[in-house]
C-alpha atoms as a PDB file:
ATOM      1  CA  UNK A   1      10.982-104.794 -98.225  1.00  0.00           C
ATOM      2  CA  UNK A   2       9.903-100.981 -97.342  1.00  0.00           C
ATOM      3  CA  UNK A   3       7.962 -99.999 -94.024  1.00  0.00           C
ATOM      4  CA  UNK A   4       5.591 -97.908 -95.907  1.00  0.00           C
ATOM      5  CA  UNK A   5       4.367 -96.309 -92.603  1.00  0.00           C
ATOM      6  CA  UNK A   6       8.214 -95.104 -91.666  1.00  0.00           C
ATOM      7  CA  UNK A   7       9.260 -94.842 -95.233  1.00  0.00           C
ATOM      8  CA  UNK A   8      12.629 -97.232 -94.414  1.00  0.00           C
ATOM      9  CA  UNK A   9      14.067-100.199 -95.811  1.00  0.00           C
ATOM     10  CA  UNK A  10      13.119-103.011 -93.189  1.00  0.00           C
ATOM     11  CA  UNK A  11      15.390-105.572 -94.719  1.00  0.00           C
ATOM     12  CA  UNK A  12      19.200-105.532 -94.599  1.00  0.00           C
ATOM     13  CA  UNK A  13      19.413-101.738 -93.059  1.00  0.00           C
ATOM     14  CA  UNK A  14      21.469-102.834 -90.176  1.00  0.00           C
ATOM     15  CA  UNK A  15      18.930-105.188 -88.692  1.00  0.00           C
ATOM     16  CA  UNK A  16      19.838-108.717 -87.728  1.00  0.00           C
ATOM     17  CA  UNK A  17      17.896-111.269 -89.750  1.00  0.00           C
ATOM     18  CA  UNK A  18      16.917-111.406 -93.413  1.00  0.00           C
ATOM     19  CA  UNK A  19      13.501-112.229 -95.201  1.00  0.00           C
ATOM     20  CA  UNK A  20      13.580-114.338 -98.085  1.00  0.00           C
ATOM     21  CA  UNK A  21      14.829-117.979 -97.664  1.00  0.00           C
ATOM     22  CA  UNK A  22      14.207-121.425 -99.045  1.00  0.00           C
ATOM     23  CA  UNK A  23      13.025-122.340-102.507  1.00  0.00           C
ATOM     24  CA  UNK A  24      11.790-118.618-103.373  1.00  0.00           C
ATOM     25  CA  UNK A  25      15.489-117.474-103.369  1.00  0.00           C
ATOM     26  CA  UNK A  26      17.055-120.173-105.460  1.00  0.00           C
ATOM     27  CA  UNK A  27      17.000-118.334-108.569  1.00  0.00           C
ATOM     28  CA  UNK A  28      18.648-115.272-107.052  1.00  0.00           C
ATOM     29  CA  UNK A  29      21.153-117.326-105.410  1.00  0.00           C
ATOM     30  CA  UNK A  30      21.862-119.140-108.675  1.00  0.00           C
ATOM     31  CA  UNK A  31      22.305-115.671-110.546  1.00  0.00           C
ATOM     32  CA  UNK A  32      24.340-114.020-107.715  1.00  0.00           C
ATOM     33  CA  UNK A  33      26.706-117.176-107.747  1.00  0.00           C
ATOM     34  CA  UNK A  34      26.782-117.004-111.839  1.00  0.00           C
ATOM     35  CA  UNK A  35      27.653-113.101-111.646  1.00  0.00           C
ATOM     36  CA  UNK A  36      30.068-113.564-108.483  1.00  0.00           C
ATOM     37  CA  UNK A  37      32.103-116.334-110.564  1.00  0.00           C
ATOM     38  CA  UNK A  38      32.293-114.026-113.640  1.00  0.00           C
ATOM     39  CA  UNK A  39      33.257-110.822-111.871  1.00  0.00           C
ATOM     40  CA  UNK A  40      36.024-112.838-109.336  1.00  0.00           C
ATOM     41  CA  UNK A  41      36.968-116.068-111.566  1.00  0.00           C
ATOM     42  CA  UNK A  42      39.825-117.045-108.864  1.00  0.00           C
ATOM     43  CA  UNK A  43      37.749-117.103-105.535  1.00  0.00           C
ATOM     44  CA  UNK A  44      35.845-119.779-103.858  1.00  0.00           C
ATOM     45  CA  UNK A  45      32.246-119.451-104.021  1.00  0.00           C
ATOM     46  CA  UNK A  46      29.887-121.464-101.250  1.00  0.00           C
ATOM     47  CA  UNK A  47      26.236-121.555-103.388  1.00  0.00           C
ATOM     48  CA  UNK A  48      23.581-120.948-100.563  1.00  0.00           C
ATOM     49  CA  UNK A  49      20.090-120.134-100.995  1.00  0.00           C
ATOM     50  CA  UNK A  50      16.992-122.716-101.826  1.00  0.00           C
ATOM     51  CA  UNK A  51      19.031-126.001-101.561  1.00  0.00           C
ATOM     52  CA  UNK A  52      16.800-128.581-100.474  1.00  0.00           C
ATOM     53  CA  UNK A  53      17.653-131.622-103.247  1.00  0.00           C
ATOM     54  CA  UNK A  54      20.654-132.743-105.388  1.00  0.00           C
ATOM     55  CA  UNK A  55      19.265-131.062-108.520  1.00  0.00           C
ATOM     56  CA  UNK A  56      19.257-127.862-106.362  1.00  0.00           C
ATOM     57  CA  UNK A  57      22.958-128.363-105.465  1.00  0.00           C
ATOM     58  CA  UNK A  58      24.185-129.285-108.958  1.00  0.00           C
ATOM     59  CA  UNK A  59      22.437-126.001-110.587  1.00  0.00           C
ATOM     60  CA  UNK A  60      24.540-123.933-107.970  1.00  0.00           C
ATOM     61  CA  UNK A  61      27.412-125.874-109.015  1.00  0.00           C
ATOM     62  CA  UNK A  62      27.029-125.464-112.423  1.00  0.00           C
ATOM     63  CA  UNK A  63      26.287-121.593-111.840  1.00  0.00           C
ATOM     64  CA  UNK A  64      29.663-121.546-110.452  1.00  0.00           C
ATOM     65  CA  UNK A  65      29.784-122.597-106.989  1.00  0.00           C
ATOM     66  CA  UNK A  66      32.696-124.688-105.419  1.00  0.00           C
ATOM     67  CA  UNK A  67      30.595-126.121-102.484  1.00  0.00           C
ATOM     68  CA  UNK A  68      26.973-125.673-101.647  1.00  0.00           C
ATOM     69  CA  UNK A  69      25.380-124.780 -98.159  1.00  0.00           C
ATOM     70  CA  UNK A  70      21.865-126.458 -96.820  1.00  0.00           C
ATOM     71  CA  UNK A  71      20.350-124.182 -94.656  1.00  0.00           C
ATOM     72  CA  UNK A  72      16.327-123.714 -94.212  1.00  0.00           C
ATOM     73  CA  UNK A  73      15.809-127.143 -95.283  1.00  0.00           C
ATOM     74  CA  UNK A  74      17.533-128.622 -92.186  1.00  0.00           C
ATOM     75  CA  UNK A  75      14.467-126.832 -90.307  1.00  0.00           C
ATOM     76  CA  UNK A  76      11.780-129.045 -92.166  1.00  0.00           C
ATOM     77  CA  UNK A  77      14.205-132.111 -91.511  1.00  0.00           C
ATOM     78  CA  UNK A  78      18.008-132.308 -89.951  1.00  0.00           C
ATOM     79  CA  UNK A  79      18.859-134.774 -92.363  1.00  0.00           C
ATOM     80  CA  UNK A  80      18.463-132.606 -95.208  1.00  0.00           C
ATOM     81  CA  UNK A  81      22.127-132.098 -96.023  1.00  0.00           C
ATOM     82  CA  UNK A  82      22.695-135.858 -95.950  1.00  0.00           C
ATOM     83  CA  UNK A  83      19.749-136.151 -98.176  1.00  0.00           C
ATOM     84  CA  UNK A  84      21.042-133.812-100.582  1.00  0.00           C
ATOM     85  CA  UNK A  85      24.289-135.354-100.714  1.00  0.00           C
ATOM     86  CA  UNK A  86      23.000-138.809-101.504  1.00  0.00           C
ATOM     87  CA  UNK A  87      21.017-137.176-104.345  1.00  0.00           C
ATOM     88  CA  UNK A  88      23.834-135.247-105.502  1.00  0.00           C
ATOM     89  CA  UNK A  89      25.884-138.332-105.625  1.00  0.00           C
ATOM     90  CA  UNK A  90      23.017-140.499-107.212  1.00  0.00           C
ATOM     91  CA  UNK A  91      22.610-137.444-109.937  1.00  0.00           C
ATOM     92  CA  UNK A  92      26.315-137.510-110.522  1.00  0.00           C
ATOM     93  CA  UNK A  93      26.537-141.374-111.079  1.00  0.00           C
ATOM     94  CA  UNK A  94      23.470-141.486-113.596  1.00  0.00           C
ATOM     95  CA  UNK A  95      25.250-138.596-115.822  1.00  0.00           C
ATOM     96  CA  UNK A  96      28.738-140.041-115.762  1.00  0.00           C
ATOM     97  CA  UNK A  97      30.316-137.282-113.692  1.00  0.00           C
ATOM     98  CA  UNK A  98      33.284-138.837-111.660  1.00  0.00           C
ATOM     99  CA  UNK A  99      33.513-135.768-109.502  1.00  0.00           C
ATOM    100  CA  UNK A 100      31.765-133.112-108.296  1.00  0.00           C
ATOM    101  CA  UNK A 101      34.667-130.696-109.579  1.00  0.00           C
ATOM    102  CA  UNK A 102      33.497-131.454-113.229  1.00  0.00           C
ATOM    103  CA  UNK A 103      30.034-129.691-112.215  1.00  0.00           C
ATOM    104  CA  UNK A 104      31.825-126.282-111.030  1.00  0.00           C
ATOM    105  CA  UNK A 105      30.753-123.725-113.838  1.00  0.00           C
ATOM    106  CA  UNK A 106      29.687-126.770-116.080  1.00  0.00           C
ATOM    107  CA  UNK A 107      26.371-124.656-116.660  1.00  0.00           C
ATOM    108  CA  UNK A 108      28.153-121.049-117.606  1.00  0.00           C
ATOM    109  CA  UNK A 109      28.211-121.846-121.357  1.00  0.00           C
END
C-alpha cells in the first residue's frame, strides 16, 4: 500500500506488521511456494498464507511446500491447526495418499 499523502510505502518499508492475510493471501502464497521450489529445488519450504482447511494445505503442498503453517485461522479458532490436520488426513485417505510426502510438488505438472 502507498500513503498517498506522504507519498511513501506503508507495507514492508522497515515497519513491523503486515497487511494482507487470511484467505486473500492464499493464491499469492501458492504462487510464491511454486516459484521458490522452481528456483531452489533443494531447500525446505514452509507454505504459509491463508491456510484454514485441509484442502488449503493440500494446495500448498502440491505447489511444493514441505510443511504448512496455520496462522490467521487460529485467531478465529485456536483449534484450527488440529482441524486442518484432521481434514488433510481425511483428504489423503479419500484420495489413496499414504503419506503427505506424496503430495509435495505433485501439482507442479
